[in-house]
């Protein structure tokens, strides 16, 4: 039972970090003024959660945590580029109707 709970915490943490990383800037949760500290703390907690959940699978943990960090940072950069190049139609005012 504790293994299942700690595994659920680890995978839920990864899902939350993915949401927080890939969501628009206005929707991201903010705990401090420094995004770097938040990233380090989030991935440190993620590593701790995966180490707790998968104690006997160190190679798995050492591959999931760094690869998810690299992939999420790459996808964050990619989504910012896509959103910057995305064409948004101009908003019409009600007076123009």
PDB file of N, CA and C in Angstrom:
ATOM      1  N   UNK A   1       0.803  -1.199   0.000  1.00  0.00           N
ATOM      2  CA  UNK A   1       0.000   0.000   0.000  1.00  0.00           C
ATOM      3  C   UNK A   1       0.855   1.276   0.000  1.00  0.00           C
ATOM      4  N   UNK A   2       1.897   1.389   0.857  1.00  0.00           N
ATOM      5  CA  UNK A   2       2.714   2.607   0.820  1.00  0.00           C
ATOM      6  C   UNK A   2       3.397   2.796  -0.527  1.00  0.00           C
ATOM      7  N   UNK A   3       3.784   1.680  -1.188  1.00  0.00           N
ATOM      8  CA  UNK A   3       4.415   1.791  -2.501  1.00  0.00           C
ATOM      9  C   UNK A   3       3.449   2.405  -3.511  1.00  0.00           C
ATOM     10  N   UNK A   4       2.200   1.974  -3.477  1.00  0.00           N
ATOM     11  CA  UNK A   4       1.221   2.507  -4.416  1.00  0.00           C
ATOM     12  C   UNK A   4       0.963   3.985  -4.160  1.00  0.00           C
ATOM     13  N   UNK A   5       0.918   4.372  -2.897  1.00  0.00           N
ATOM     14  CA  UNK A   5       0.691   5.776  -2.564  1.00  0.00           C
ATOM     15  C   UNK A   5       1.868   6.636  -3.008  1.00  0.00           C
ATOM     16  N   UNK A   6       3.083   6.189  -2.734  1.00  0.00           N
ATOM     17  CA  UNK A   6       4.254   6.976  -3.121  1.00  0.00           C
ATOM     18  C   UNK A   6       4.404   7.020  -4.641  1.00  0.00           C
ATOM     19  N   UNK A   7       4.033   5.954  -5.327  1.00  0.00           N
ATOM     20  CA  UNK A   7       4.059   5.988  -6.792  1.00  0.00           C
ATOM     21  C   UNK A   7       3.015   6.957  -7.321  1.00  0.00           C
ATOM     22  N   UNK A   8       1.847   6.988  -6.694  1.00  0.00           N
ATOM     23  CA  UNK A   8       0.811   7.937  -7.112  1.00  0.00           C
ATOM     24  C   UNK A   8       1.259   9.375  -6.885  1.00  0.00           C
ATOM     25  N   UNK A   9       1.938   9.623  -5.773  1.00  0.00           N
ATOM     26  CA  UNK A   9       2.460  10.966  -5.489  1.00  0.00           C
ATOM     27  C   UNK A   9       3.504  11.352  -6.531  1.00  0.00           C
ATOM     28  N   UNK A  10       4.374  10.417  -6.894  1.00  0.00           N
ATOM     29  CA  UNK A  10       5.428  10.703  -7.874  1.00  0.00           C
ATOM     30  C   UNK A  10       4.834  11.040  -9.236  1.00  0.00           C
ATOM     31  N   UNK A  11       3.916  10.215  -9.724  1.00  0.00           N
ATOM     32  CA  UNK A  11       3.339  10.448 -11.046  1.00  0.00           C
ATOM     33  C   UNK A  11       2.420  11.667 -11.054  1.00  0.00           C
ATOM     34  N   UNK A  12       1.737  11.929  -9.953  1.00  0.00           N
ATOM     35  CA  UNK A  12       0.909  13.136  -9.858  1.00  0.00           C
ATOM     36  C   UNK A  12       1.791  14.377  -9.838  1.00  0.00           C
ATOM     37  N   UNK A  13       2.919  14.295  -9.177  1.00  0.00           N
ATOM     38  CA  UNK A  13       3.860  15.420  -9.173  1.00  0.00           C
ATOM     39  C   UNK A  13       4.379  15.702 -10.579  1.00  0.00           C
ATOM     40  N   UNK A  14       4.681  14.647 -11.317  1.00  0.00           N
ATOM     41  CA  UNK A  14       5.134  14.836 -12.691  1.00  0.00           C
ATOM     42  C   UNK A  14       4.026  15.462 -13.546  1.00  0.00           C
ATOM     43  N   UNK A  15       2.793  15.033 -13.341  1.00  0.00           N
ATOM     44  CA  UNK A  15       1.675  15.609 -14.087  1.00  0.00           C
ATOM     45  C   UNK A  15       1.486  17.083 -13.739  1.00  0.00           C
ATOM     46  N   UNK A  16       1.595  17.428 -12.462  1.00  0.00           N
ATOM     47  CA  UNK A  16       1.443  18.825 -12.056  1.00  0.00           C
ATOM     48  C   UNK A  16       2.581  19.687 -12.594  1.00  0.00           C
ATOM     49  N   UNK A  17       3.799  19.178 -12.542  1.00  0.00           N
ATOM     50  CA  UNK A  17       4.937  19.931 -13.083  1.00  0.00           C
ATOM     51  C   UNK A  17       4.763  20.122 -14.583  1.00  0.00           C
ATOM     52  N   UNK A  18       4.257  19.109 -15.273  1.00  0.00           N
ATOM     53  CA  UNK A  18       4.004  19.234 -16.712  1.00  0.00           C
ATOM     54  C   UNK A  18       2.965  20.307 -16.985  1.00  0.00           C
ATOM     55  N   UNK A  19       1.890  20.305 -16.197  1.00  0.00           N
ATOM     56  CA  UNK A  19       0.857  21.332 -16.367  1.00  0.00           C
ATOM     57  C   UNK A  19       1.424  22.722 -16.106  1.00  0.00           C
ATOM     58  N   UNK A  20       2.149  22.857 -15.010  1.00  0.00           N
ATOM     59  CA  UNK A  20       2.688  24.164 -14.641  1.00  0.00           C
ATOM     60  C   UNK A  20       3.723  24.653 -15.646  1.00  0.00           C
ATOM     61  N   UNK A  21       4.451  23.742 -16.263  1.00  0.00           N
ATOM     62  CA  UNK A  21       5.478  24.129 -17.222  1.00  0.00           C
ATOM     63  C   UNK A  21       4.888  24.509 -18.569  1.00  0.00           C
ATOM     64  N   UNK A  22       3.873  23.784 -19.010  1.00  0.00           N
ATOM     65  CA  UNK A  22       3.359  23.970 -20.365  1.00  0.00           C
ATOM     66  C   UNK A  22       2.139  24.880 -20.454  1.00  0.00           C
ATOM     67  N   UNK A  23       1.586  25.298 -19.340  1.00  0.00           N
ATOM     68  CA  UNK A  23       0.424  26.180 -19.393  1.00  0.00           C
ATOM     69  C   UNK A  23       0.870  27.609 -19.716  1.00  0.00           C
ATOM     70  N   UNK A  24      -0.066  28.446 -20.186  1.00  0.00           N
ATOM     71  CA  UNK A  24       0.296  29.843 -20.467  1.00  0.00           C
ATOM     72  C   UNK A  24       0.811  30.547 -19.214  1.00  0.00           C
ATOM     73  N   UNK A  25       1.599  31.567 -19.402  1.00  0.00           N
ATOM     74  CA  UNK A  25       2.276  32.229 -18.288  1.00  0.00           C
ATOM     75  C   UNK A  25       1.289  32.736 -17.242  1.00  0.00           C
ATOM     76  N   UNK A  26       0.152  33.245 -17.652  1.00  0.00           N
ATOM     77  CA  UNK A  26      -0.820  33.760 -16.708  1.00  0.00           C
ATOM     78  C   UNK A  26      -1.488  32.685 -15.866  1.00  0.00           C
ATOM     79  N   UNK A  27      -1.491  31.447 -16.350  1.00  0.00           N
ATOM     80  CA  UNK A  27      -2.139  30.351 -15.632  1.00  0.00           C
ATOM     81  C   UNK A  27      -1.195  29.553 -14.754  1.00  0.00           C
ATOM     82  N   UNK A  28       0.082  29.859 -14.798  1.00  0.00           N
ATOM     83  CA  UNK A  28       1.062  29.091 -14.034  1.00  0.00           C
ATOM     84  C   UNK A  28       1.027  29.473 -12.567  1.00  0.00           C
ATOM     85  N   UNK A  29       1.093  28.481 -11.689  1.00  0.00           N
ATOM     86  CA  UNK A  29       1.190  28.806 -10.258  1.00  0.00           C
ATOM     87  C   UNK A  29       2.556  29.413  -9.958  1.00  0.00           C
ATOM     88  N   UNK A  30       2.579  30.381  -9.063  1.00  0.00           N
ATOM     89  CA  UNK A  30       3.832  31.046  -8.732  1.00  0.00           C
ATOM     90  C   UNK A  30       4.001  31.068  -7.227  1.00  0.00           C
ATOM     91  N   UNK A  31       5.093  30.487  -6.752  1.00  0.00           N
ATOM     92  CA  UNK A  31       5.361  30.440  -5.324  1.00  0.00           C
ATOM     93  C   UNK A  31       6.398  31.458  -4.888  1.00  0.00           C
ATOM     94  N   UNK A  32       7.288  31.830  -5.795  1.00  0.00           N
ATOM     95  CA  UNK A  32       8.326  32.802  -5.459  1.00  0.00           C
ATOM     96  C   UNK A  32       8.581  33.685  -6.676  1.00  0.00           C
ATOM     97  N   UNK A  33       9.452  34.661  -6.503  1.00  0.00           N
ATOM     98  CA  UNK A  33       9.777  35.568  -7.604  1.00  0.00           C
ATOM     99  C   UNK A  33      10.787  34.973  -8.569  1.00  0.00           C
ATOM    100  N   UNK A  34      11.451  33.911  -8.179  1.00  0.00           N
ATOM    101  CA  UNK A  34      12.476  33.305  -9.012  1.00  0.00           C
ATOM    102  C   UNK A  34      11.977  31.982  -9.600  1.00  0.00           C
ATOM    103  N   UNK A  35      11.855  31.942 -10.909  1.00  0.00           N
ATOM    104  CA  UNK A  35      11.411  30.714 -11.575  1.00  0.00           C
ATOM    105  C   UNK A  35      12.476  29.624 -11.474  1.00  0.00           C
ATOM    106  N   UNK A  36      13.737  30.027 -11.406  1.00  0.00           N
ATOM    107  CA  UNK A  36      14.812  29.035 -11.307  1.00  0.00           C
ATOM    108  C   UNK A  36      14.720  28.245 -10.002  1.00  0.00           C
ATOM    109  N   UNK A  37      14.438  28.941  -8.912  1.00  0.00           N
ATOM    110  CA  UNK A  37      14.309  28.265  -7.620  1.00  0.00           C
ATOM    111  C   UNK A  37      13.115  27.316  -7.651  1.00  0.00           C
ATOM    112  N   UNK A  38      12.025  27.750  -8.273  1.00  0.00           N
ATOM    113  CA  UNK A  38      10.841  26.895  -8.368  1.00  0.00           C
ATOM    114  C   UNK A  38      11.134  25.632  -9.172  1.00  0.00           C
ATOM    115  N   UNK A  39      11.862  25.776 -10.288  1.00  0.00           N
ATOM    116  CA  UNK A  39      12.192  24.617 -11.109  1.00  0.00           C
ATOM    117  C   UNK A  39      13.068  23.630 -10.347  1.00  0.00           C
ATOM    118  N   UNK A  40      14.089  24.143  -9.680  1.00  0.00           N
ATOM    119  CA  UNK A  40      14.991  23.273  -8.926  1.00  0.00           C
ATOM    120  C   UNK A  40      14.230  22.563  -7.809  1.00  0.00           C
ATOM    121  N   UNK A  41      13.394  23.303  -7.091  1.00  0.00           N
ATOM    122  CA  UNK A  41      12.634  22.702  -5.996  1.00  0.00           C
ATOM    123  C   UNK A  41      11.645  21.663  -6.514  1.00  0.00           C
ATOM    124  N   UNK A  42      10.984  21.969  -7.623  1.00  0.00           N
ATOM    125  CA  UNK A  42       9.999  21.029  -8.170  1.00  0.00           C
ATOM    126  C   UNK A  42      10.667  19.736  -8.619  1.00  0.00           C
ATOM    127  N   UNK A  43      11.764  19.837  -9.329  1.00  0.00           N
ATOM    128  CA  UNK A  43      12.422  18.625  -9.803  1.00  0.00           C
ATOM    129  C   UNK A  43      13.173  17.899  -8.691  1.00  0.00           C
ATOM    130  N   UNK A  44      13.609  18.612  -7.663  1.00  0.00           N
ATOM    131  CA  UNK A  44      14.193  17.942  -6.498  1.00  0.00           C
ATOM    132  C   UNK A  44      13.118  17.119  -5.783  1.00  0.00           C
ATOM    133  N   UNK A  45      11.922  17.705  -5.622  1.00  0.00           N
ATOM    134  CA  UNK A  45      10.825  16.956  -5.017  1.00  0.00           C
ATOM    135  C   UNK A  45      10.432  15.775  -5.894  1.00  0.00           C
ATOM    136  N   UNK A  46      10.423  15.984  -7.209  1.00  0.00           N
ATOM    137  CA  UNK A  46      10.090  14.899  -8.126  1.00  0.00           C
ATOM    138  C   UNK A  46      11.092  13.756  -7.995  1.00  0.00           C
ATOM    139  N   UNK A  47      12.368  14.082  -7.927  1.00  0.00           N
ATOM    140  CA  UNK A  47      13.386  13.052  -7.742  1.00  0.00           C
ATOM    141  C   UNK A  47      13.224  12.321  -6.426  1.00  0.00           C
ATOM    142  N   UNK A  48      12.918  13.063  -5.358  1.00  0.00           N
ATOM    143  CA  UNK A  48      12.684  12.432  -4.058  1.00  0.00           C
ATOM    144  C   UNK A  48      11.461  11.514  -4.105  1.00  0.00           C
ATOM    145  N   UNK A  49      10.392  11.982  -4.760  1.00  0.00           N
ATOM    146  CA  UNK A  49       9.170  11.175  -4.842  1.00  0.00           C
ATOM    147  C   UNK A  49       9.404   9.894  -5.634  1.00  0.00           C
ATOM    148  N   UNK A  50      10.124   9.996  -6.748  1.00  0.00           N
ATOM    149  CA  UNK A  50      10.406   8.797  -7.532  1.00  0.00           C
ATOM    150  C   UNK A  50      11.376   7.865  -6.806  1.00  0.00           C
ATOM    151  N   UNK A  51      12.353   8.419  -6.097  1.00  0.00           N
ATOM    152  CA  UNK A  51      13.265   7.567  -5.322  1.00  0.00           C
ATOM    153  C   UNK A  51      12.528   6.833  -4.209  1.00  0.00           C
ATOM    154  N   UNK A  52      11.565   7.501  -3.604  1.00  0.00           N
ATOM    155  CA  UNK A  52      10.772   6.858  -2.555  1.00  0.00           C
ATOM    156  C   UNK A  52       9.870   5.774  -3.134  1.00  0.00           C
ATOM    157  N   UNK A  53       9.300   6.049  -4.291  1.00  0.00           N
ATOM    158  CA  UNK A  53       8.355   5.099  -4.889  1.00  0.00           C
ATOM    159  C   UNK A  53       9.062   3.895  -5.502  1.00  0.00           C
ATOM    160  N   UNK A  54      10.212   4.134  -6.113  1.00  0.00           N
ATOM    161  CA  UNK A  54      10.909   3.064  -6.836  1.00  0.00           C
ATOM    162  C   UNK A  54      12.323   2.907  -6.269  1.00  0.00           C
ATOM    163  N   UNK A  55      12.418   2.457  -5.038  1.00  0.00           N
ATOM    164  CA  UNK A  55      13.711   2.346  -4.349  1.00  0.00           C
ATOM    165  C   UNK A  55      14.661   1.367  -5.028  1.00  0.00           C
ATOM    166  N   UNK A  56      14.142   0.292  -5.569  1.00  0.00           N
ATOM    167  CA  UNK A  56      14.997  -0.742  -6.152  1.00  0.00           C
ATOM    168  C   UNK A  56      15.245  -0.524  -7.648  1.00  0.00           C
ATOM    169  N   UNK A  57      14.696   0.527  -8.202  1.00  0.00           N
ATOM    170  CA  UNK A  57      14.847   0.787  -9.636  1.00  0.00           C
ATOM    171  C   UNK A  57      15.538   2.129  -9.850  1.00  0.00           C
ATOM    172  N   UNK A  58      16.772   2.218  -9.404  1.00  0.00           N
ATOM    173  CA  UNK A  58      17.513   3.474  -9.449  1.00  0.00           C
ATOM    174  C   UNK A  58      17.766   3.937 -10.889  1.00  0.00           C
ATOM    175  N   UNK A  59      18.033   2.992 -11.791  1.00  0.00           N
ATOM    176  CA  UNK A  59      18.255   3.372 -13.190  1.00  0.00           C
ATOM    177  C   UNK A  59      17.001   3.992 -13.791  1.00  0.00           C
ATOM    178  N   UNK A  60      15.838   3.463 -13.433  1.00  0.00           N
ATOM    179  CA  UNK A  60      14.574   4.017 -13.909  1.00  0.00           C
ATOM    180  C   UNK A  60      14.394   5.447 -13.413  1.00  0.00           C
ATOM    181  N   UNK A  61      14.656   5.659 -12.130  1.00  0.00           N
ATOM    182  CA  UNK A  61      14.512   6.991 -11.546  1.00  0.00           C
ATOM    183  C   UNK A  61      15.505   7.961 -12.170  1.00  0.00           C
ATOM    184  N   UNK A  62      16.736   7.498 -12.346  1.00  0.00           N
ATOM    185  CA  UNK A  62      17.773   8.359 -12.918  1.00  0.00           C
ATOM    186  C   UNK A  62      17.547   8.650 -14.397  1.00  0.00           C
ATOM    187  N   UNK A  63      16.667   7.913 -15.032  1.00  0.00           N
ATOM    188  CA  UNK A  63      16.343   8.224 -16.425  1.00  0.00           C
ATOM    189  C   UNK A  63      15.063   9.046 -16.541  1.00  0.00           C
ATOM    190  N   UNK A  64      14.089   8.805 -15.668  1.00  0.00           N
ATOM    191  CA  UNK A  64      12.808   9.520 -15.754  1.00  0.00           C
ATOM    192  C   UNK A  64      12.949  10.980 -15.354  1.00  0.00           C
ATOM    193  N   UNK A  65      13.575  11.260 -14.242  1.00  0.00           N
ATOM    194  CA  UNK A  65      13.611  12.624 -13.720  1.00  0.00           C
ATOM    195  C   UNK A  65      14.409  13.571 -14.630  1.00  0.00           C
ATOM    196  N   UNK A  66      15.644  13.271 -15.000  1.00  0.00           N
ATOM    197  CA  UNK A  66      16.355  14.198 -15.890  1.00  0.00           C
ATOM    198  C   UNK A  66      15.745  14.291 -17.289  1.00  0.00           C
ATOM    199  N   UNK A  67      15.282  13.160 -17.818  1.00  0.00           N
ATOM    200  CA  UNK A  67      14.705  13.223 -19.169  1.00  0.00           C
ATOM    201  C   UNK A  67      13.391  13.993 -19.169  1.00  0.00           C
ATOM    202  N   UNK A  68      12.602  13.887 -18.104  1.00  0.00           N
ATOM    203  CA  UNK A  68      11.371  14.683 -18.049  1.00  0.00           C
ATOM    204  C   UNK A  68      11.699  16.165 -17.900  1.00  0.00           C
ATOM    205  N   UNK A  69      12.735  16.501 -17.156  1.00  0.00           N
ATOM    206  CA  UNK A  69      13.135  17.905 -17.018  1.00  0.00           C
ATOM    207  C   UNK A  69      13.563  18.480 -18.364  1.00  0.00           C
ATOM    208  N   UNK A  70      14.396  17.742 -19.081  1.00  0.00           N
ATOM    209  CA  UNK A  70      14.863  18.214 -20.389  1.00  0.00           C
ATOM    210  C   UNK A  70      13.705  18.310 -21.375  1.00  0.00           C
ATOM    211  N   UNK A  71      12.848  17.295 -21.404  1.00  0.00           N
ATOM    212  CA  UNK A  71      11.723  17.294 -22.341  1.00  0.00           C
ATOM    213  C   UNK A  71      10.748  18.428 -22.036  1.00  0.00           C
ATOM    214  N   UNK A  72      10.457  18.659 -20.775  1.00  0.00           N
ATOM    215  CA  UNK A  72       9.517  19.730 -20.431  1.00  0.00           C
ATOM    216  C   UNK A  72      10.086  21.110 -20.730  1.00  0.00           C
ATOM    217  N   UNK A  73      11.355  21.311 -20.476  1.00  0.00           N
ATOM    218  CA  UNK A  73      11.958  22.607 -20.805  1.00  0.00           C
ATOM    219  C   UNK A  73      11.969  22.831 -22.317  1.00  0.00           C
ATOM    220  N   UNK A  74      12.246  21.783 -23.083  1.00  0.00           N
ATOM    221  CA  UNK A  74      12.198  21.896 -24.540  1.00  0.00           C
ATOM    222  C   UNK A  74      10.775  22.199 -25.023  1.00  0.00           C
ATOM    223  N   UNK A  75       9.797  21.475 -24.487  1.00  0.00           N
ATOM    224  CA  UNK A  75       8.406  21.714 -24.879  1.00  0.00           C
ATOM    225  C   UNK A  75       7.922  23.086 -24.451  1.00  0.00           C
ATOM    226  N   UNK A  76       8.406  23.592 -23.320  1.00  0.00           N
ATOM    227  CA  UNK A  76       8.041  24.935 -22.890  1.00  0.00           C
ATOM    228  C   UNK A  76       8.551  25.969 -23.884  1.00  0.00           C
ATOM    229  N   UNK A  77       9.775  25.805 -24.326  1.00  0.00           N
ATOM    230  CA  UNK A  77      10.326  26.709 -25.338  1.00  0.00           C
ATOM    231  C   UNK A  77       9.551  26.590 -26.641  1.00  0.00           C
ATOM    232  N   UNK A  78       9.212  25.377 -27.026  1.00  0.00           N
ATOM    233  CA  UNK A  78       8.471  25.155 -28.261  1.00  0.00           C
ATOM    234  C   UNK A  78       7.074  25.774 -28.197  1.00  0.00           C
ATOM    235  N   UNK A  79       6.371  25.630 -27.072  1.00  0.00           N
ATOM    236  CA  UNK A  79       5.031  26.205 -26.965  1.00  0.00           C
ATOM    237  C   UNK A  79       5.086  27.721 -26.953  1.00  0.00           C
ATOM    238  N   UNK A  80       6.126  28.319 -26.379  1.00  0.00           N
ATOM    239  CA  UNK A  80       6.255  29.775 -26.411  1.00  0.00           C
ATOM    240  C   UNK A  80       6.485  30.261 -27.819  1.00  0.00           C
ATOM    241  N   UNK A  81       7.258  29.524 -28.616  1.00  0.00           N
ATOM    242  CA  UNK A  81       7.497  29.905 -30.004  1.00  0.00           C
ATOM    243  C   UNK A  81       6.215  29.778 -30.803  1.00  0.00           C
ATOM    244  N   UNK A  82       5.478  28.713 -30.604  1.00  0.00           N
ATOM    245  CA  UNK A  82       4.223  28.510 -31.337  1.00  0.00           C
ATOM    246  C   UNK A  82       3.216  29.579 -30.965  1.00  0.00           C
ATOM    247  N   UNK A  83       3.104  29.890 -29.676  1.00  0.00           N
ATOM    248  CA  UNK A  83       2.151  30.906 -29.251  1.00  0.00           C
ATOM    249  C   UNK A  83       2.542  32.292 -29.751  1.00  0.00           C
ATOM    250  N   UNK A  84       3.825  32.564 -29.870  1.00  0.00           N
ATOM    251  CA  UNK A  84       4.264  33.859 -30.364  1.00  0.00           C
ATOM    252  C   UNK A  84       3.984  34.003 -31.859  1.00  0.00           C
ATOM    253  N   UNK A  85       4.054  32.910 -32.594  1.00  0.00           N
ATOM    254  CA  UNK A  85       3.822  32.959 -34.028  1.00  0.00           C
ATOM    255  C   UNK A  85       2.370  32.697 -34.409  1.00  0.00           C
ATOM    256  N   UNK A  86       1.549  32.447 -33.434  1.00  0.00           N
ATOM    257  CA  UNK A  86       0.155  32.122 -33.694  1.00  0.00           C
ATOM    258  C   UNK A  86      -0.600  33.384 -34.092  1.00  0.00           C
ATOM    259  N   UNK A  87      -1.408  33.269 -35.126  1.00  0.00           N
ATOM    260  CA  UNK A  87      -2.178  34.423 -35.569  1.00  0.00           C
ATOM    261  C   UNK A  87      -3.444  34.511 -34.749  1.00  0.00           C
ATOM    262  N   UNK A  88      -3.647  35.629 -34.139  1.00  0.00           N
ATOM    263  CA  UNK A  88      -4.849  35.853 -33.357  1.00  0.00           C
ATOM    264  C   UNK A  88      -5.705  36.887 -34.078  1.00  0.00           C
ATOM    265  N   UNK A  89      -6.964  36.590 -34.325  1.00  0.00           N
ATOM    266  CA  UNK A  89      -7.828  37.573 -34.977  1.00  0.00           C
ATOM    267  C   UNK A  89      -8.046  38.763 -34.043  1.00  0.00           C
ATOM    268  N   UNK A  90      -8.160  39.957 -34.612  1.00  0.00           N
ATOM    269  CA  UNK A  90      -8.372  41.133 -33.754  1.00  0.00           C
ATOM    270  C   UNK A  90      -9.738  41.066 -33.087  1.00  0.00           C
ATOM    271  N   UNK A  91      -9.793  41.567 -31.861  1.00  0.00           N
ATOM    272  CA  UNK A  91     -11.053  41.581 -31.146  1.00  0.00           C
ATOM    273  C   UNK A  91     -11.899  42.734 -31.664  1.00  0.00           C
ATOM    274  N   UNK A  92     -13.133  42.407 -31.905  1.00  0.00           N
ATOM    275  CA  UNK A  92     -14.050  43.462 -32.367  1.00  0.00           C
ATOM    276  C   UNK A  92     -14.788  44.027 -31.170  1.00  0.00           C
ATOM    277  N   UNK A  93     -15.001  45.291 -31.214  1.00  0.00           N
ATOM    278  CA  UNK A  93     -15.747  45.895 -30.125  1.00  0.00           C
ATOM    279  C   UNK A  93     -17.243  45.761 -30.418  1.00  0.00           C
ATOM    280  N   UNK A  94     -18.045  45.887 -29.396  1.00  0.00           N
ATOM    281  CA  UNK A  94     -19.492  45.801 -29.577  1.00  0.00           C
ATOM    282  C   UNK A  94     -20.030  47.007 -30.356  1.00  0.00           C
ATOM    283  N   UNK A  95     -19.312  48.105 -30.332  1.00  0.00           N
ATOM    284  CA  UNK A  95     -19.759  49.295 -31.070  1.00  0.00           C
ATOM    285  C   UNK A  95     -19.690  49.079 -32.570  1.00  0.00           C
ATOM    286  N   UNK A  96     -18.822  48.176 -33.010  1.00  0.00           N
ATOM    287  CA  UNK A  96     -18.677  47.928 -34.440  1.00  0.00           C
ATOM    288  C   UNK A  96     -19.797  47.040 -34.967  1.00  0.00           C
ATOM    289  N   UNK A  97     -20.534  46.367 -34.113  1.00  0.00           N
ATOM    290  CA  UNK A  97     -21.594  45.464 -34.555  1.00  0.00           C
ATOM    291  C   UNK A  97     -22.828  46.202 -34.992  1.00  0.00           C
TER     292      UNK A  97
END
